[in-house]
Amino acid sequence: MTTPNASAAAVHWSVQGMLVEYLTSGRLAEVVYRDSAGQIRMVHDVIRDLFSRAGHEYILLGRGSMVSLDHIITLDGRTLAVSR
């Protein structure tokens, strides 16, 4: 897991803490997000990694999907507050 930098899409510390909790516990999460085609997707999976790439924050799901945090609508019913 990498430390987020001061970028255009910075993750709020409370969101960061919540994601780290999922990451370390290995528990299943319901992730509702908008894919690259604009379709809303819902998956039930574990979060394997949280990282920054090219100034954006991402999670890596257990099945290999990489999801940008700014595309996540809810995580277990809770809205993620990602500042821009």
C-alpha atoms as a PDB file:
ATOM      1  CA  MET A   1       0.000   0.000   0.000  1.00  0.00           C
ATOM      2  CA  THR A   2       1.362   3.402  -0.902  1.00  0.00           C
ATOM      3  CA  THR A   3       0.866   6.657   0.909  1.00  0.00           C
ATOM      4  CA  PRO A   4      -1.336   9.161  -0.880  1.00  0.00           C
ATOM      5  CA  ASN A   5       0.356  12.344  -1.989  1.00  0.00           C
ATOM      6  CA  ALA A   6      -1.031  15.862  -2.324  1.00  0.00           C
ATOM      7  CA  SER A   7      -2.713  15.313  -5.655  1.00  0.00           C
ATOM      8  CA  ALA A   8      -5.772  16.431  -7.585  1.00  0.00           C
ATOM      9  CA  ALA A   9      -7.816  13.614  -6.026  1.00  0.00           C
ATOM     10  CA  ALA A  10      -6.813  13.386  -2.361  1.00  0.00           C
ATOM     11  CA  VAL A  11      -8.543  10.887  -0.136  1.00  0.00           C
ATOM     12  CA  HIS A  12      -9.995  12.272   3.078  1.00  0.00           C
ATOM     13  CA  TRP A  13      -8.319  10.720   6.145  1.00  0.00           C
ATOM     14  CA  SER A  14     -11.560   9.109   7.390  1.00  0.00           C
ATOM     15  CA  VAL A  15     -12.065   7.391   4.024  1.00  0.00           C
ATOM     16  CA  GLN A  16      -8.422   6.311   4.082  1.00  0.00           C
ATOM     17  CA  GLY A  17      -8.921   4.813   7.546  1.00  0.00           C
ATOM     18  CA  MET A  18     -12.067   2.975   6.508  1.00  0.00           C
ATOM     19  CA  LEU A  19     -10.343   1.518   3.431  1.00  0.00           C
ATOM     20  CA  VAL A  20      -7.323   0.442   5.474  1.00  0.00           C
ATOM     21  CA  GLU A  21      -9.703  -1.315   7.887  1.00  0.00           C
ATOM     22  CA  TYR A  22     -11.197  -3.312   5.002  1.00  0.00           C
ATOM     23  CA  LEU A  23      -7.730  -3.993   3.637  1.00  0.00           C
ATOM     24  CA  THR A  24      -6.316  -5.350   6.890  1.00  0.00           C
ATOM     25  CA  SER A  25      -9.394  -7.296   7.994  1.00  0.00           C
ATOM     26  CA  GLY A  26      -9.961  -9.044   4.668  1.00  0.00           C
ATOM     27  CA  ARG A  27     -13.720  -8.771   5.130  1.00  0.00           C
ATOM     28  CA  LEU A  28     -16.117  -8.712   2.227  1.00  0.00           C
ATOM     29  CA  ALA A  29     -17.333  -5.304   1.043  1.00  0.00           C
ATOM     30  CA  GLU A  30     -20.172  -4.235  -1.198  1.00  0.00           C
ATOM     31  CA  VAL A  31     -18.726  -1.722  -3.670  1.00  0.00           C
ATOM     32  CA  VAL A  32     -21.067   0.268  -5.916  1.00  0.00           C
ATOM     33  CA  TYR A  33     -19.180   2.223  -8.581  1.00  0.00           C
ATOM     34  CA  ARG A  34     -19.446   3.714 -12.051  1.00  0.00           C
ATOM     35  CA  ASP A  35     -17.308   1.882 -14.622  1.00  0.00           C
ATOM     36  CA  SER A  36     -15.418   3.470 -17.518  1.00  0.00           C
ATOM     37  CA  ALA A  37     -18.515   3.161 -19.738  1.00  0.00           C
ATOM     38  CA  GLY A  38     -20.619   5.043 -17.181  1.00  0.00           C
ATOM     39  CA  GLN A  39     -22.573   1.974 -16.079  1.00  0.00           C
ATOM     40  CA  ILE A  40     -23.240   1.447 -12.387  1.00  0.00           C
ATOM     41  CA  ARG A  41     -21.732  -1.787 -11.087  1.00  0.00           C
ATOM     42  CA  MET A  42     -22.121  -3.558  -7.753  1.00  0.00           C
ATOM     43  CA  VAL A  43     -19.599  -6.133  -6.558  1.00  0.00           C
ATOM     44  CA  HIS A  44     -19.088  -8.062  -3.338  1.00  0.00           C
ATOM     45  CA  ASP A  45     -15.357  -8.553  -2.913  1.00  0.00           C
ATOM     46  CA  VAL A  46     -12.386  -7.956  -0.627  1.00  0.00           C
ATOM     47  CA  ILE A  47     -10.094  -4.959  -0.987  1.00  0.00           C
ATOM     48  CA  ARG A  48      -6.584  -6.210  -1.700  1.00  0.00           C
ATOM     49  CA  ASP A  49      -4.718  -2.899  -2.076  1.00  0.00           C
ATOM     50  CA  LEU A  50      -5.073   0.872  -1.879  1.00  0.00           C
ATOM     51  CA  PHE A  51      -2.649   2.897  -3.986  1.00  0.00           C
ATOM     52  CA  SER A  52      -1.937   6.045  -6.005  1.00  0.00           C
ATOM     53  CA  ARG A  53      -1.154   6.092  -9.686  1.00  0.00           C
ATOM     54  CA  ALA A  54      -0.846   9.162 -11.913  1.00  0.00           C
ATOM     55  CA  GLY A  55      -2.303  11.424  -9.219  1.00  0.00           C
ATOM     56  CA  HIS A  56      -5.421   9.312  -8.592  1.00  0.00           C
ATOM     57  CA  GLU A  57      -6.310   6.925  -5.772  1.00  0.00           C
ATOM     58  CA  TYR A  58      -7.427   3.370  -6.548  1.00  0.00           C
ATOM     59  CA  ILE A  59      -8.486   0.207  -4.807  1.00  0.00           C
ATOM     60  CA  LEU A  60      -7.642  -3.230  -6.113  1.00  0.00           C
ATOM     61  CA  LEU A  61     -10.379  -5.779  -5.548  1.00  0.00           C
ATOM     62  CA  GLY A  62      -9.778  -9.456  -4.853  1.00  0.00           C
ATOM     63  CA  ARG A  63     -10.822 -10.528  -8.345  1.00  0.00           C
ATOM     64  CA  GLY A  64      -8.322  -8.127  -9.929  1.00  0.00           C
ATOM     65  CA  SER A  65     -10.548  -5.152 -10.742  1.00  0.00           C
ATOM     66  CA  MET A  66      -8.949  -1.752 -10.224  1.00  0.00           C
ATOM     67  CA  VAL A  67     -11.463   0.959  -9.271  1.00  0.00           C
ATOM     68  CA  SER A  68     -10.718   4.673  -8.999  1.00  0.00           C
ATOM     69  CA  LEU A  69     -11.945   6.077  -5.683  1.00  0.00           C
ATOM     70  CA  ASP A  70     -13.647   8.959  -7.451  1.00  0.00           C
ATOM     71  CA  HIS A  71     -15.812   6.393  -9.302  1.00  0.00           C
ATOM     72  CA  ILE A  72     -17.003   4.690  -6.108  1.00  0.00           C
ATOM     73  CA  ILE A  73     -20.552   5.637  -5.186  1.00  0.00           C
ATOM     74  CA  THR A  74     -20.888   3.639  -1.963  1.00  0.00           C
ATOM     75  CA  LEU A  75     -18.895   1.177   0.115  1.00  0.00           C
ATOM     76  CA  ASP A  76     -21.201  -1.016   2.241  1.00  0.00           C
ATOM     77  CA  GLY A  77     -23.895   1.636   1.867  1.00  0.00           C
ATOM     78  CA  ARG A  78     -21.646   4.507   2.954  1.00  0.00           C
ATOM     79  CA  THR A  79     -20.840   7.310   0.521  1.00  0.00           C
ATOM     80  CA  LEU A  80     -17.118   7.990   0.084  1.00  0.00           C
ATOM     81  CA  ALA A  81     -16.107  11.653   0.415  1.00  0.00           C
ATOM     82  CA  VAL A  82     -13.242  12.122  -2.040  1.00  0.00           C
ATOM     83  CA  SER A  83     -12.058  15.724  -2.340  1.00  0.00           C
ATOM     84  CA  ARG A  84     -10.924  17.124  -5.665  1.00  0.00           C
END
